[in-house]
Amino acid sequence: MPQTHTLKMIAEKIDLALIEKIARNAGEAIMEIYKGDFSVEMKENKSPLTEADKVSNKIILAELKKLYPEIPFISEETKAIEYNERKKWDHCWLIDPIDGTKEFIKRNGEFTVNIALVENGKPTLGVVLAPALNKMWSAKSGEGCFIINESRERKPLARGNHFNDLKIVRVIGSRSHMSTETELFIQGLKNNGQEIEFVSAGSSIKFCLLADGSADVYPRYAPTMEWDTAAGQAVLEIAGGKVYQAGTLNPLLYNKENLLNPFFLASW
């Protein structure tokens, strides 16, 4: 894992408004493509790729490099740096130019632009933009967590109730990833006498709906990559929530040798 000798958080030096602007610039370019006809390629891992993914990646990296050239990055659409080099990093950007490319292709609006800053394995800044929904969730350690609507009004988000204390639990997830483990988790809540409401959402929006109080718990017992979750985790944790590796109290960490996440549970 990264070294821990950084005395002052890098996030303190980052202007959150500038990162929000970068996400919006990428979002505007994405929406121009979204409104028209676009082709879909398949990557080696069988996941889809569109021109919007490429354009968004290009915009985000160019603007981050211009503003903060000293900060390295990991992006889904850019070949990963070898771990022998990455393990020396105290901090880095984690970027998903479009999280939810399948949602983009379906044109259901539930895709996001994710930009996160990770320090010593933990996300300390995150911006999640859902351009088709005109919503942004933005957070920075020491500054707070906010939801920003289409009028650019900023509403602060704060801690909710732990899901174990609720009679009715709103479980958020994706029906396309309803694994056996997820079903067992939900059954455990029912066995505890709790009623379940299932909230379906795509991409990192699931973290954000937890943060803004629209859901209570997000059990993820299906594969995700670090760039899928870092920005959303920052939003939720800075609002007061928690993200633990499933079945433990160990945090979900970043810039690991293997960029594949373990299963996790996100909640208040």
Foldseek 3Di string as FASTA:
>chain_A
DADDPDPDDPLVVDDQVLLVVLQVVLLVLLVVPLVDDWDWDADPVRDIDTVSQVSLVVSNVVSCCVVPVPAAEDEPPDDDDALVVLNHDQKHKQWRSKFPVVCSVVVPQQIWTWIFIAGNFATAWIWIDSSSQQWIWTGGVPPAIWIAHNVRDTDGFADDDAQLPDQEFEEEDAPVQCDPVNVVVVVVCVVVNHHYHYHYGGFLVRLVCQRRVVGFKYWFQDKDFQSRPRRSQNNNVRRPKAKAQPPDNHHFTDSDSGRITHTIMIGD
